[in-house]
């Protein structure tokens, strides 16, 4: 018999985590969007390098293109 406790933030127990607040979810989404933006910025710069330099640092141009890049550097 498993016990669980109901709280105002969600159900706790049985391996469940508490529900996240509206502000925490919004913050998490904002962080994810900024991470994607940063990755596009970095990929854009890396794609401006020649193939020999990319290979030297262990990057593949096709993989960088698949990951996406911004059209211009900011």
N, C-alpha and C. Protein backbone atom coordinates (compact mmCIF):
# COMPACT_ATOMS: atom_id res chain seq x y z
N UNK A 1 0.84 -1.17 0.00
CA UNK A 1 0.00 0.00 0.00
C UNK A 1 0.89 1.23 0.00
N UNK A 2 0.77 2.08 -1.02
CA UNK A 2 1.57 3.29 -1.14
C UNK A 2 0.77 4.48 -0.62
N UNK A 3 1.47 5.34 0.06
CA UNK A 3 0.84 6.55 0.57
C UNK A 3 1.22 7.73 -0.30
N UNK A 4 0.30 8.64 -0.46
CA UNK A 4 0.60 9.87 -1.17
C UNK A 4 -0.07 11.02 -0.44
N UNK A 5 0.49 12.19 -0.64
CA UNK A 5 -0.02 13.38 0.02
C UNK A 5 -0.40 14.41 -1.03
N UNK A 6 -1.60 14.92 -0.93
CA UNK A 6 -2.04 15.96 -1.85
C UNK A 6 -1.73 17.32 -1.23
N UNK A 7 -1.08 18.17 -2.00
CA UNK A 7 -0.78 19.52 -1.53
C UNK A 7 -1.32 20.52 -2.55
N UNK A 8 -1.19 21.79 -2.23
CA UNK A 8 -1.68 22.80 -3.15
C UNK A 8 -0.84 22.88 -4.42
N UNK A 9 0.39 22.33 -4.38
CA UNK A 9 1.26 22.37 -5.56
C UNK A 9 1.17 21.11 -6.39
N UNK A 10 0.40 20.16 -5.98
CA UNK A 10 0.26 18.94 -6.76
C UNK A 10 0.43 17.71 -5.88
N UNK A 11 0.37 16.56 -6.49
CA UNK A 11 0.46 15.30 -5.79
C UNK A 11 1.90 14.93 -5.52
N UNK A 12 2.23 14.59 -4.29
CA UNK A 12 3.57 14.19 -3.90
C UNK A 12 3.50 12.74 -3.45
N UNK A 13 4.46 11.95 -3.83
CA UNK A 13 4.50 10.55 -3.44
C UNK A 13 4.42 9.67 -4.66
N UNK A 14 4.65 8.41 -4.48
CA UNK A 14 4.59 7.42 -5.55
C UNK A 14 5.46 7.83 -6.74
N UNK A 15 6.60 8.50 -6.48
CA UNK A 15 7.52 8.85 -7.54
C UNK A 15 7.11 10.03 -8.39
N UNK A 16 6.07 10.73 -8.03
CA UNK A 16 5.65 11.89 -8.79
C UNK A 16 6.29 13.14 -8.22
N UNK A 17 6.58 14.08 -9.09
CA UNK A 17 7.14 15.34 -8.61
C UNK A 17 6.03 16.38 -8.53
N UNK A 18 6.21 17.37 -7.70
CA UNK A 18 5.17 18.40 -7.57
C UNK A 18 4.96 19.15 -8.88
N UNK A 19 3.75 19.61 -9.08
CA UNK A 19 3.44 20.39 -10.27
C UNK A 19 4.20 21.71 -10.21
N UNK A 20 4.71 22.15 -11.37
CA UNK A 20 5.45 23.40 -11.42
C UNK A 20 4.49 24.57 -11.59
N UNK A 21 4.86 25.69 -11.03
CA UNK A 21 4.01 26.87 -11.09
C UNK A 21 4.03 27.47 -12.50
N UNK A 22 3.08 28.33 -12.76
CA UNK A 22 3.00 29.02 -14.04
C UNK A 22 4.29 29.79 -14.30
N UNK A 23 4.82 30.48 -13.29
CA UNK A 23 6.02 31.27 -13.46
C UNK A 23 7.24 30.39 -13.72
N UNK A 24 7.31 29.23 -13.07
CA UNK A 24 8.44 28.32 -13.29
C UNK A 24 8.40 27.76 -14.71
N UNK A 25 7.22 27.39 -15.18
CA UNK A 25 7.09 26.88 -16.55
C UNK A 25 7.46 27.96 -17.56
N UNK A 26 6.99 29.19 -17.32
CA UNK A 26 7.32 30.30 -18.22
C UNK A 26 8.82 30.56 -18.23
N UNK A 27 9.44 30.52 -17.06
CA UNK A 27 10.89 30.71 -16.96
C UNK A 27 11.63 29.60 -17.70
N UNK A 28 11.20 28.35 -17.52
CA UNK A 28 11.83 27.22 -18.21
C UNK A 28 11.72 27.37 -19.73
N UNK A 29 10.56 27.82 -20.21
CA UNK A 29 10.37 28.02 -21.65
C UNK A 29 11.26 29.15 -22.16
N UNK A 30 11.39 30.20 -21.35
CA UNK A 30 12.24 31.32 -21.75
C UNK A 30 13.71 30.88 -21.84
N UNK A 31 14.16 30.09 -20.88
CA UNK A 31 15.54 29.59 -20.89
C UNK A 31 15.76 28.70 -22.11
N UNK A 32 14.82 27.82 -22.41
CA UNK A 32 14.94 26.93 -23.58
C UNK A 32 15.02 27.74 -24.87
N UNK A 33 14.21 28.78 -24.98
CA UNK A 33 14.23 29.62 -26.18
C UNK A 33 15.56 30.34 -26.32
N UNK A 34 16.11 30.84 -25.21
CA UNK A 34 17.40 31.53 -25.26
C UNK A 34 18.53 30.57 -25.60
N UNK A 35 18.44 29.32 -25.11
CA UNK A 35 19.46 28.33 -25.46
C UNK A 35 19.43 28.03 -26.96
N UNK A 36 18.23 27.90 -27.52
CA UNK A 36 18.11 27.67 -28.96
C UNK A 36 18.66 28.85 -29.75
N UNK A 37 18.37 30.06 -29.27
CA UNK A 37 18.86 31.26 -29.94
C UNK A 37 20.39 31.30 -29.91
N UNK A 38 20.98 30.97 -28.76
CA UNK A 38 22.43 30.96 -28.64
C UNK A 38 23.04 29.90 -29.56
N UNK A 39 22.42 28.74 -29.64
CA UNK A 39 22.93 27.68 -30.50
C UNK A 39 22.88 28.10 -31.98
N UNK A 40 21.79 28.78 -32.38
CA UNK A 40 21.70 29.26 -33.75
C UNK A 40 22.80 30.28 -34.04
N UNK A 41 23.07 31.14 -33.07
CA UNK A 41 24.11 32.16 -33.21
C UNK A 41 25.48 31.50 -33.38
N UNK A 42 25.78 30.53 -32.54
CA UNK A 42 27.06 29.82 -32.61
C UNK A 42 27.17 29.06 -33.92
N UNK A 43 26.10 28.36 -34.30
CA UNK A 43 26.13 27.60 -35.55
C UNK A 43 26.33 28.52 -36.75
N UNK A 44 25.73 29.69 -36.71
CA UNK A 44 25.90 30.65 -37.79
C UNK A 44 27.37 31.03 -37.93
N UNK A 45 28.03 31.28 -36.82
CA UNK A 45 29.45 31.61 -36.88
C UNK A 45 30.26 30.42 -37.39
N UNK A 46 29.98 29.23 -36.86
CA UNK A 46 30.74 28.06 -37.27
C UNK A 46 30.58 27.79 -38.77
N UNK A 47 29.38 28.02 -39.29
CA UNK A 47 29.16 27.80 -40.72
C UNK A 47 29.90 28.81 -41.58
N UNK A 48 30.34 29.92 -40.99
CA UNK A 48 31.12 30.89 -41.75
C UNK A 48 32.58 30.45 -41.90
N UNK A 49 33.00 29.45 -41.14
CA UNK A 49 34.37 28.94 -41.22
C UNK A 49 34.51 27.99 -42.40
N UNK A 50 35.75 27.80 -42.85
CA UNK A 50 35.98 26.87 -43.96
C UNK A 50 35.94 25.42 -43.46
N UNK A 51 35.81 24.49 -44.39
CA UNK A 51 35.66 23.07 -44.04
C UNK A 51 36.87 22.52 -43.29
N UNK A 52 38.08 22.96 -43.65
CA UNK A 52 39.28 22.47 -42.97
C UNK A 52 39.28 22.86 -41.50
N UNK A 53 38.89 24.09 -41.21
CA UNK A 53 38.84 24.56 -39.82
C UNK A 53 37.77 23.81 -39.04
N UNK A 54 36.61 23.62 -39.66
CA UNK A 54 35.54 22.86 -38.99
C UNK A 54 36.01 21.45 -38.67
N UNK A 55 36.65 20.80 -39.63
CA UNK A 55 37.13 19.42 -39.42
C UNK A 55 38.18 19.39 -38.32
N UNK A 56 39.05 20.39 -38.29
CA UNK A 56 40.09 20.45 -37.27
C UNK A 56 39.49 20.48 -35.86
N UNK A 57 38.37 21.20 -35.70
CA UNK A 57 37.72 21.31 -34.39
C UNK A 57 36.65 20.25 -34.15
N UNK A 58 36.48 19.34 -35.11
CA UNK A 58 35.57 18.21 -34.91
C UNK A 58 34.12 18.48 -35.26
N UNK A 59 33.87 19.47 -36.11
CA UNK A 59 32.50 19.78 -36.52
C UNK A 59 32.26 19.31 -37.94
N UNK A 60 31.03 18.98 -38.22
CA UNK A 60 30.62 18.58 -39.56
C UNK A 60 29.63 19.62 -40.09
N UNK A 61 29.92 20.18 -41.25
CA UNK A 61 29.09 21.25 -41.81
C UNK A 61 27.64 20.79 -41.97
N UNK A 62 27.42 19.58 -42.45
CA UNK A 62 26.05 19.09 -42.65
C UNK A 62 25.29 18.97 -41.33
N UNK A 63 25.98 18.53 -40.29
CA UNK A 63 25.34 18.43 -38.96
C UNK A 63 24.98 19.82 -38.44
N UNK A 64 25.85 20.78 -38.63
CA UNK A 64 25.57 22.15 -38.20
C UNK A 64 24.37 22.71 -38.96
N UNK A 65 24.27 22.41 -40.25
CA UNK A 65 23.13 22.87 -41.04
C UNK A 65 21.84 22.24 -40.53
N UNK A 66 21.89 20.96 -40.16
CA UNK A 66 20.70 20.28 -39.63
C UNK A 66 20.26 20.88 -38.30
N UNK A 67 21.22 21.30 -37.50
CA UNK A 67 20.89 21.89 -36.20
C UNK A 67 20.30 23.28 -36.35
N UNK A 68 20.56 23.92 -37.47
CA UNK A 68 19.98 25.24 -37.74
C UNK A 68 20.95 26.35 -37.43
N UNK A 69 20.74 27.45 -38.12
CA UNK A 69 21.59 28.63 -37.91
C UNK A 69 20.78 29.87 -38.26
N UNK A 70 21.11 30.95 -37.59
CA UNK A 70 20.47 32.23 -37.89
C UNK A 70 20.95 32.70 -39.25
N UNK A 71 20.15 33.47 -39.94
CA UNK A 71 20.54 33.94 -41.26
C UNK A 71 21.64 34.99 -41.19
N UNK A 72 21.72 35.74 -40.09
CA UNK A 72 22.76 36.74 -39.93
C UNK A 72 23.25 36.73 -38.48
N UNK A 73 24.47 37.18 -38.32
CA UNK A 73 25.02 37.33 -36.97
C UNK A 73 24.52 38.63 -36.37
N UNK A 74 24.29 38.60 -35.08
CA UNK A 74 23.80 39.80 -34.39
C UNK A 74 24.96 40.50 -33.72
